C-alpha atoms as a PDB file:
ATOM      1  CA  UNK A   1     141.287 164.829  26.532  1.00  0.00           C
ATOM      2  CA  UNK A   2     141.962 163.514  23.039  1.00  0.00           C
ATOM      3  CA  UNK A   3     139.223 162.874  20.520  1.00  0.00           C
ATOM      4  CA  UNK A   4     136.988 160.004  21.662  1.00  0.00           C
ATOM      5  CA  UNK A   5     136.046 157.559  18.921  1.00  0.00           C
ATOM      6  CA  UNK A   6     132.453 156.421  19.488  1.00  0.00           C
ATOM      7  CA  UNK A   7     130.501 153.518  17.999  1.00  0.00           C
ATOM      8  CA  UNK A   8     126.772 152.865  18.412  1.00  0.00           C
ATOM      9  CA  UNK A   9     124.710 149.694  17.943  1.00  0.00           C
ATOM     10  CA  UNK A  10     121.030 150.668  18.040  1.00  0.00           C
ATOM     11  CA  UNK A  11     118.159 149.587  15.800  1.00  0.00           C
ATOM     12  CA  UNK A  12     115.568 152.290  16.508  1.00  0.00           C
ATOM     13  CA  UNK A  13     115.875 154.905  13.760  1.00  0.00           C
ATOM     14  CA  UNK A  14     114.679 157.826  15.885  1.00  0.00           C
ATOM     15  CA  UNK A  15     117.240 157.070  18.572  1.00  0.00           C
ATOM     16  CA  UNK A  16     119.948 156.581  15.946  1.00  0.00           C
ATOM     17  CA  UNK A  17     119.177 160.002  14.507  1.00  0.00           C
ATOM     18  CA  UNK A  18     118.947 161.661  17.923  1.00  0.00           C
ATOM     19  CA  UNK A  19     122.337 160.307  19.024  1.00  0.00           C
ATOM     20  CA  UNK A  20     123.986 161.080  15.684  1.00  0.00           C
ATOM     21  CA  UNK A  21     122.675 164.651  15.553  1.00  0.00           C
ATOM     22  CA  UNK A  22     123.695 165.311  19.144  1.00  0.00           C
ATOM     23  CA  UNK A  23     127.247 163.984  18.834  1.00  0.00           C
ATOM     24  CA  UNK A  24     127.716 165.983  15.639  1.00  0.00           C
ATOM     25  CA  UNK A  25     127.650 169.010  17.962  1.00  0.00           C
ATOM     26  CA  UNK A  26     130.169 167.588  20.458  1.00  0.00           C
ATOM     27  CA  UNK A  27     133.703 168.397  19.279  1.00  0.00           C
ATOM     28  CA  UNK A  28     135.377 165.991  21.738  1.00  0.00           C
ATOM     29  CA  UNK A  29     133.528 162.944  20.380  1.00  0.00           C
ATOM     30  CA  UNK A  30     133.557 161.503  16.870  1.00  0.00           C
ATOM     31  CA  UNK A  31     130.741 159.113  16.005  1.00  0.00           C
ATOM     32  CA  UNK A  32     132.478 156.611  13.709  1.00  0.00           C
ATOM     33  CA  UNK A  33     129.375 154.613  12.800  1.00  0.00           C
ATOM     34  CA  UNK A  34     125.932 153.489  13.862  1.00  0.00           C
ATOM     35  CA  UNK A  35     124.931 149.880  13.180  1.00  0.00           C
ATOM     36  CA  UNK A  36     121.548 148.260  13.702  1.00  0.00           C
ATOM     37  CA  UNK A  37     122.820 144.859  14.815  1.00  0.00           C
ATOM     38  CA  UNK A  38     125.728 143.132  16.523  1.00  0.00           C
ATOM     39  CA  UNK A  39     126.086 140.855  13.501  1.00  0.00           C
ATOM     40  CA  UNK A  40     126.638 143.795  11.137  1.00  0.00           C
ATOM     41  CA  UNK A  41     129.161 145.337  13.502  1.00  0.00           C
ATOM     42  CA  UNK A  42     131.150 142.102  13.800  1.00  0.00           C
ATOM     43  CA  UNK A  43     131.154 141.765  10.021  1.00  0.00           C
ATOM     44  CA  UNK A  44     132.211 145.319   9.193  1.00  0.00           C
ATOM     45  CA  UNK A  45     134.303 146.714  12.065  1.00  0.00           C
ATOM     46  CA  UNK A  46     137.595 145.412  10.649  1.00  0.00           C
ATOM     47  CA  UNK A  47     137.164 147.633   7.573  1.00  0.00           C
ATOM     48  CA  UNK A  48     137.177 150.806   9.677  1.00  0.00           C
ATOM     49  CA  UNK A  49     140.192 153.076   9.460  1.00  0.00           C
ATOM     50  CA  UNK A  50     139.812 154.004  13.136  1.00  0.00           C
ATOM     51  CA  UNK A  51     138.936 151.700  16.034  1.00  0.00           C
ATOM     52  CA  UNK A  52     136.246 152.869  18.481  1.00  0.00           C
ATOM     53  CA  UNK A  53     137.169 153.648  22.088  1.00  0.00           C
ATOM     54  CA  UNK A  54     133.617 153.448  23.445  1.00  0.00           C
ATOM     55  CA  UNK A  55     130.525 151.566  22.277  1.00  0.00           C
ATOM     56  CA  UNK A  56     126.919 152.452  23.101  1.00  0.00           C
ATOM     57  CA  UNK A  57     125.083 149.127  22.921  1.00  0.00           C
ATOM     58  CA  UNK A  58     121.349 148.458  23.033  1.00  0.00           C
ATOM     59  CA  UNK A  59     119.984 145.140  24.368  1.00  0.00           C
ATOM     60  CA  UNK A  60     116.790 144.575  22.388  1.00  0.00           C
ATOM     61  CA  UNK A  61     118.170 144.283  18.869  1.00  0.00           C
ATOM     62  CA  UNK A  62     117.085 142.414  15.766  1.00  0.00           C
ATOM     63  CA  UNK A  63     118.917 139.107  15.716  1.00  0.00           C
ATOM     64  CA  UNK A  64     121.459 138.708  18.489  1.00  0.00           C
ATOM     65  CA  UNK A  65     120.749 140.667  21.677  1.00  0.00           C
ATOM     66  CA  UNK A  66     123.223 143.208  22.955  1.00  0.00           C
ATOM     67  CA  UNK A  67     123.958 141.067  26.013  1.00  0.00           C
ATOM     68  CA  UNK A  68     124.710 138.035  23.845  1.00  0.00           C
ATOM     69  CA  UNK A  69     126.965 140.216  21.708  1.00  0.00           C
ATOM     70  CA  UNK A  70     129.153 141.562  24.529  1.00  0.00           C
ATOM     71  CA  UNK A  71     131.635 138.636  24.726  1.00  0.00           C
ATOM     72  CA  UNK A  72     131.838 138.382  20.926  1.00  0.00           C
ATOM     73  CA  UNK A  73     132.561 142.091  20.587  1.00  0.00           C
ATOM     74  CA  UNK A  74     135.163 142.068  23.370  1.00  0.00           C
ATOM     75  CA  UNK A  75     136.822 139.025  21.835  1.00  0.00           C
ATOM     76  CA  UNK A  76     137.509 141.140  18.738  1.00  0.00           C
ATOM     77  CA  UNK A  77     138.110 144.454  20.549  1.00  0.00           C
ATOM     78  CA  UNK A  78     139.290 143.632  24.090  1.00  0.00           C
ATOM     79  CA  UNK A  79     140.127 147.262  24.922  1.00  0.00           C
ATOM     80  CA  UNK A  80     136.714 148.583  23.933  1.00  0.00           C
ATOM     81  CA  UNK A  81     134.597 150.107  26.708  1.00  0.00           C
ATOM     82  CA  UNK A  82     130.948 149.073  26.389  1.00  0.00           C
ATOM     83  CA  UNK A  83     128.122 151.211  27.763  1.00  0.00           C
ATOM     84  CA  UNK A  84     124.682 149.605  27.696  1.00  0.00           C
ATOM     85  CA  UNK A  85     122.001 152.088  26.583  1.00  0.00           C
ATOM     86  CA  UNK A  86     118.648 150.388  26.937  1.00  0.00           C
ATOM     87  CA  UNK A  87     115.067 150.418  28.154  1.00  0.00           C
ATOM     88  CA  UNK A  88     115.707 147.251  30.182  1.00  0.00           C
ATOM     89  CA  UNK A  89     116.230 148.121  33.847  1.00  0.00           C
ATOM     90  CA  UNK A  90     115.578 144.740  35.466  1.00  0.00           C
ATOM     91  CA  UNK A  91     118.246 143.332  37.751  1.00  0.00           C
ATOM     92  CA  UNK A  92     118.881 140.263  35.577  1.00  0.00           C
ATOM     93  CA  UNK A  93     119.721 142.321  32.476  1.00  0.00           C
ATOM     94  CA  UNK A  94     121.906 144.700  34.481  1.00  0.00           C
ATOM     95  CA  UNK A  95     123.993 141.999  36.128  1.00  0.00           C
ATOM     96  CA  UNK A  96     124.233 139.831  33.017  1.00  0.00           C
ATOM     97  CA  UNK A  97     125.591 142.778  31.030  1.00  0.00           C
ATOM     98  CA  UNK A  98     128.073 143.816  33.717  1.00  0.00           C
ATOM     99  CA  UNK A  99     129.246 140.260  34.356  1.00  0.00           C
ATOM    100  CA  UNK A 100     129.885 139.737  30.642  1.00  0.00           C
ATOM    101  CA  UNK A 101     132.069 142.819  30.400  1.00  0.00           C
ATOM    102  CA  UNK A 102     130.015 146.001  30.012  1.00  0.00           C
ATOM    103  CA  UNK A 103     131.506 148.728  32.187  1.00  0.00           C
ATOM    104  CA  UNK A 104     128.457 150.996  32.441  1.00  0.00           C
ATOM    105  CA  UNK A 105     124.677 150.807  32.173  1.00  0.00           C
ATOM    106  CA  UNK A 106     122.364 153.642  31.156  1.00  0.00           C
ATOM    107  CA  UNK A 107     118.614 153.940  30.793  1.00  0.00           C
ATOM    108  CA  UNK A 108     117.376 155.331  27.488  1.00  0.00           C
ATOM    109  CA  UNK A 109     115.633 157.953  29.589  1.00  0.00           C
ATOM    110  CA  UNK A 110     119.086 159.434  30.284  1.00  0.00           C
ATOM    111  CA  UNK A 111     119.465 162.982  28.858  1.00  0.00           C
ATOM    112  CA  UNK A 112     121.893 163.308  25.953  1.00  0.00           C
ATOM    113  CA  UNK A 113     124.271 165.509  27.962  1.00  0.00           C
ATOM    114  CA  UNK A 114     124.444 162.799  30.628  1.00  0.00           C
ATOM    115  CA  UNK A 115     125.199 160.205  27.950  1.00  0.00           C
ATOM    116  CA  UNK A 116     128.051 162.437  26.806  1.00  0.00           C
ATOM    117  CA  UNK A 117     129.245 162.687  30.413  1.00  0.00           C
ATOM    118  CA  UNK A 118     129.111 158.892  30.747  1.00  0.00           C
ATOM    119  CA  UNK A 119     131.221 158.431  27.611  1.00  0.00           C
ATOM    120  CA  UNK A 120     133.831 160.878  28.891  1.00  0.00           C
ATOM    121  CA  UNK A 121     133.935 159.255  32.349  1.00  0.00           C
ATOM    122  CA  UNK A 122     134.306 155.777  30.851  1.00  0.00           C
ATOM    123  CA  UNK A 123     136.992 156.948  28.432  1.00  0.00           C
ATOM    124  CA  UNK A 124     138.991 158.254  31.408  1.00  0.00           C
ATOM    125  CA  UNK A 125     138.808 154.838  33.070  1.00  0.00           C
ATOM    126  CA  UNK A 126     135.676 155.227  35.180  1.00  0.00           C
ATOM    127  CA  UNK A 127     132.232 153.665  35.224  1.00  0.00           C
ATOM    128  CA  UNK A 128     128.828 155.331  34.952  1.00  0.00           C
ATOM    129  CA  UNK A 129     125.355 154.183  35.956  1.00  0.00           C
ATOM    130  CA  UNK A 130     121.962 155.831  35.714  1.00  0.00           C
ATOM    131  CA  UNK A 131     120.779 156.651  39.267  1.00  0.00           C
ATOM    132  CA  UNK A 132     117.987 154.049  39.151  1.00  0.00           C
ATOM    133  CA  UNK A 133     120.464 151.410  37.979  1.00  0.00           C
ATOM    134  CA  UNK A 134     122.991 152.330  40.668  1.00  0.00           C
ATOM    135  CA  UNK A 135     120.265 151.963  43.319  1.00  0.00           C
ATOM    136  CA  UNK A 136     119.410 148.454  42.102  1.00  0.00           C
ATOM    137  CA  UNK A 137     123.079 147.468  42.266  1.00  0.00           C
ATOM    138  CA  UNK A 138     123.439 148.933  45.757  1.00  0.00           C
ATOM    139  CA  UNK A 139     120.304 147.124  46.942  1.00  0.00           C
ATOM    140  CA  UNK A 140     121.599 143.860  45.522  1.00  0.00           C
ATOM    141  CA  UNK A 141     124.694 144.027  47.705  1.00  0.00           C
ATOM    142  CA  UNK A 142     122.910 145.070  50.890  1.00  0.00           C
ATOM    143  CA  UNK A 143     123.328 142.521  53.700  1.00  0.00           C
ATOM    144  CA  UNK A 144     120.246 140.334  54.072  1.00  0.00           C
ATOM    145  CA  UNK A 145     119.515 141.846  57.471  1.00  0.00           C
ATOM    146  CA  UNK A 146     119.439 145.295  55.866  1.00  0.00           C
ATOM    147  CA  UNK A 147     117.213 144.065  53.058  1.00  0.00           C
ATOM    148  CA  UNK A 148     114.710 142.804  55.618  1.00  0.00           C
ATOM    149  CA  UNK A 149     114.353 146.343  56.930  1.00  0.00           C
ATOM    150  CA  UNK A 150     113.388 147.807  53.571  1.00  0.00           C
ATOM    151  CA  UNK A 151     109.657 147.491  54.361  1.00  0.00           C
ATOM    152  CA  UNK A 152     107.736 149.453  56.973  1.00  0.00           C
ATOM    153  CA  UNK A 153     105.851 147.621  59.738  1.00  0.00           C
ATOM    154  CA  UNK A 154     102.544 148.350  57.995  1.00  0.00           C
ATOM    155  CA  UNK A 155     103.882 146.977  54.715  1.00  0.00           C
ATOM    156  CA  UNK A 156     105.026 143.829  56.527  1.00  0.00           C
ATOM    157  CA  UNK A 157     101.518 143.449  57.956  1.00  0.00           C
ATOM    158  CA  UNK A 158     100.121 143.590  54.423  1.00  0.00           C
ATOM    159  CA  UNK A 159     102.665 141.028  53.220  1.00  0.00           C
ATOM    160  CA  UNK A 160     101.621 138.723  56.053  1.00  0.00           C
ATOM    161  CA  UNK A 161      97.999 139.046  54.977  1.00  0.00           C
ATOM    162  CA  UNK A 162      98.869 138.173  51.384  1.00  0.00           C
ATOM    163  CA  UNK A 163     100.930 135.157  52.458  1.00  0.00           C
ATOM    164  CA  UNK A 164      97.946 134.010  54.540  1.00  0.00           C
ATOM    165  CA  UNK A 165      95.824 134.073  51.391  1.00  0.00           C
ATOM    166  CA  UNK A 166      93.707 137.085  52.316  1.00  0.00           C
ATOM    167  CA  UNK A 167      92.228 139.372  49.683  1.00  0.00           C
ATOM    168  CA  UNK A 168      93.123 143.067  49.562  1.00  0.00           C
ATOM    169  CA  UNK A 169      89.616 143.813  50.891  1.00  0.00           C
ATOM    170  CA  UNK A 170      90.120 141.491  53.876  1.00  0.00           C
ATOM    171  CA  UNK A 171      93.530 143.016  54.615  1.00  0.00           C
ATOM    172  CA  UNK A 172      92.042 146.518  54.498  1.00  0.00           C
ATOM    173  CA  UNK A 173      89.353 145.489  56.982  1.00  0.00           C
ATOM    174  CA  UNK A 174      91.902 143.869  59.324  1.00  0.00           C
ATOM    175  CA  UNK A 175      94.107 146.968  59.320  1.00  0.00           C
ATOM    176  CA  UNK A 176      91.233 149.492  59.392  1.00  0.00           C
ATOM    177  CA  UNK A 177      92.434 151.222  56.211  1.00  0.00           C
ATOM    178  CA  UNK A 178      90.873 151.762  52.800  1.00  0.00           C
ATOM    179  CA  UNK A 179      91.231 149.361  49.884  1.00  0.00           C
ATOM    180  CA  UNK A 180      93.070 152.095  47.934  1.00  0.00           C
ATOM    181  CA  UNK A 181      95.573 152.408  50.788  1.00  0.00           C
ATOM    182  CA  UNK A 182      96.318 148.688  50.622  1.00  0.00           C
ATOM    183  CA  UNK A 183      96.772 148.885  46.856  1.00  0.00           C
ATOM    184  CA  UNK A 184      99.119 151.848  47.256  1.00  0.00           C
ATOM    185  CA  UNK A 185     101.191 149.909  49.792  1.00  0.00           C
ATOM    186  CA  UNK A 186     101.318 146.888  47.465  1.00  0.00           C
ATOM    187  CA  UNK A 187     102.619 149.065  44.645  1.00  0.00           C
ATOM    188  CA  UNK A 188     105.346 150.479  46.901  1.00  0.00           C
ATOM    189  CA  UNK A 189     106.237 147.014  48.211  1.00  0.00           C
ATOM    190  CA  UNK A 190     106.723 145.702  44.659  1.00  0.00           C
ATOM    191  CA  UNK A 191     108.885 148.702  43.780  1.00  0.00           C
ATOM    192  CA  UNK A 192     111.021 148.396  46.920  1.00  0.00           C
ATOM    193  CA  UNK A 193     111.572 144.663  46.508  1.00  0.00           C
ATOM    194  CA  UNK A 194     112.008 144.941  42.713  1.00  0.00           C
ATOM    195  CA  UNK A 195     109.322 142.353  41.991  1.00  0.00           C
ATOM    196  CA  UNK A 196     106.265 142.266  39.756  1.00  0.00           C
ATOM    197  CA  UNK A 197     103.909 139.642  41.131  1.00  0.00           C
ATOM    198  CA  UNK A 198     102.222 138.200  44.201  1.00  0.00           C
ATOM    199  CA  UNK A 199     104.028 134.894  43.577  1.00  0.00           C
ATOM    200  CA  UNK A 200     107.429 136.589  43.861  1.00  0.00           C
ATOM    201  CA  UNK A 201     106.310 138.340  47.049  1.00  0.00           C
ATOM    202  CA  UNK A 202     105.206 135.067  48.641  1.00  0.00           C
ATOM    203  CA  UNK A 203     108.439 133.348  47.594  1.00  0.00           C
ATOM    204  CA  UNK A 204     110.535 136.099  49.190  1.00  0.00           C
ATOM    205  CA  UNK A 205     108.499 135.755  52.368  1.00  0.00           C
ATOM    206  CA  UNK A 206     108.991 131.971  52.470  1.00  0.00           C
ATOM    207  CA  UNK A 207     112.717 132.438  51.805  1.00  0.00           C
ATOM    208  CA  UNK A 208     112.897 134.837  54.759  1.00  0.00           C
ATOM    209  CA  UNK A 209     114.059 137.704  52.542  1.00  0.00           C
ATOM    210  CA  UNK A 210     111.547 140.229  53.870  1.00  0.00           C
END
C-alpha cells in the first residue's frame, strides 16, 4: 500500500488534536491538513502540493454542514473518498450523506485504530460502516413483512394499548406487569423501530409498519 494522503474537516479542537496526534504515529497515512469548515477547505485546497485521497468529514460544522458540503467537495475533487465521522447516527443523516456521495459513515465513538482501518479499506476501494450504522442500513432494506416481526408479541400488545390512548399505568394493569416493565418495553420498542416519540409510534402503527 502506498502512502495514503488524508484530509480532515472537523471543528472540535480536542478531536482535531486527537486525530492529528494519532495519525502522526501511523507511517502509512499522512495527514495533509485539518480544517474547521467546508468553506475554508474549498478556498484553500487548490494551494496544496498534494491532493488528499481520503477525507474525514464531520456533519455539525460552523457554517455549512458536512452533508451540504459533500457535493461541493466532490465537484472539485471527484476522486476523493469521503468518510463521515460524526455524532449523528440518525437514519436521515446517514442516508443523506451516502446518497450525496460519501462512501463510509463512522460514529465518533469509533476507536482510532478502527478509523485507521476504515481509511485503509476505503483507500483500497471498499466501504466501511460502524456496526450501529450498518445495522440501521440493513434494517432500512428489510422487507416490510420482516420489519413487522421486529417486535415481540408483548411489545405489540403495548403498542396496541398506546394506540388506543391508554396510559402506561393502564397498560401495565391490563397485562398484569409492573409500570417499570412497560417503560422498559417502550424503551426497547423505540430503539428497535428507530423512533423517539409516541407520535412516531402511532404513525407507524396506522401505516401498518409494525
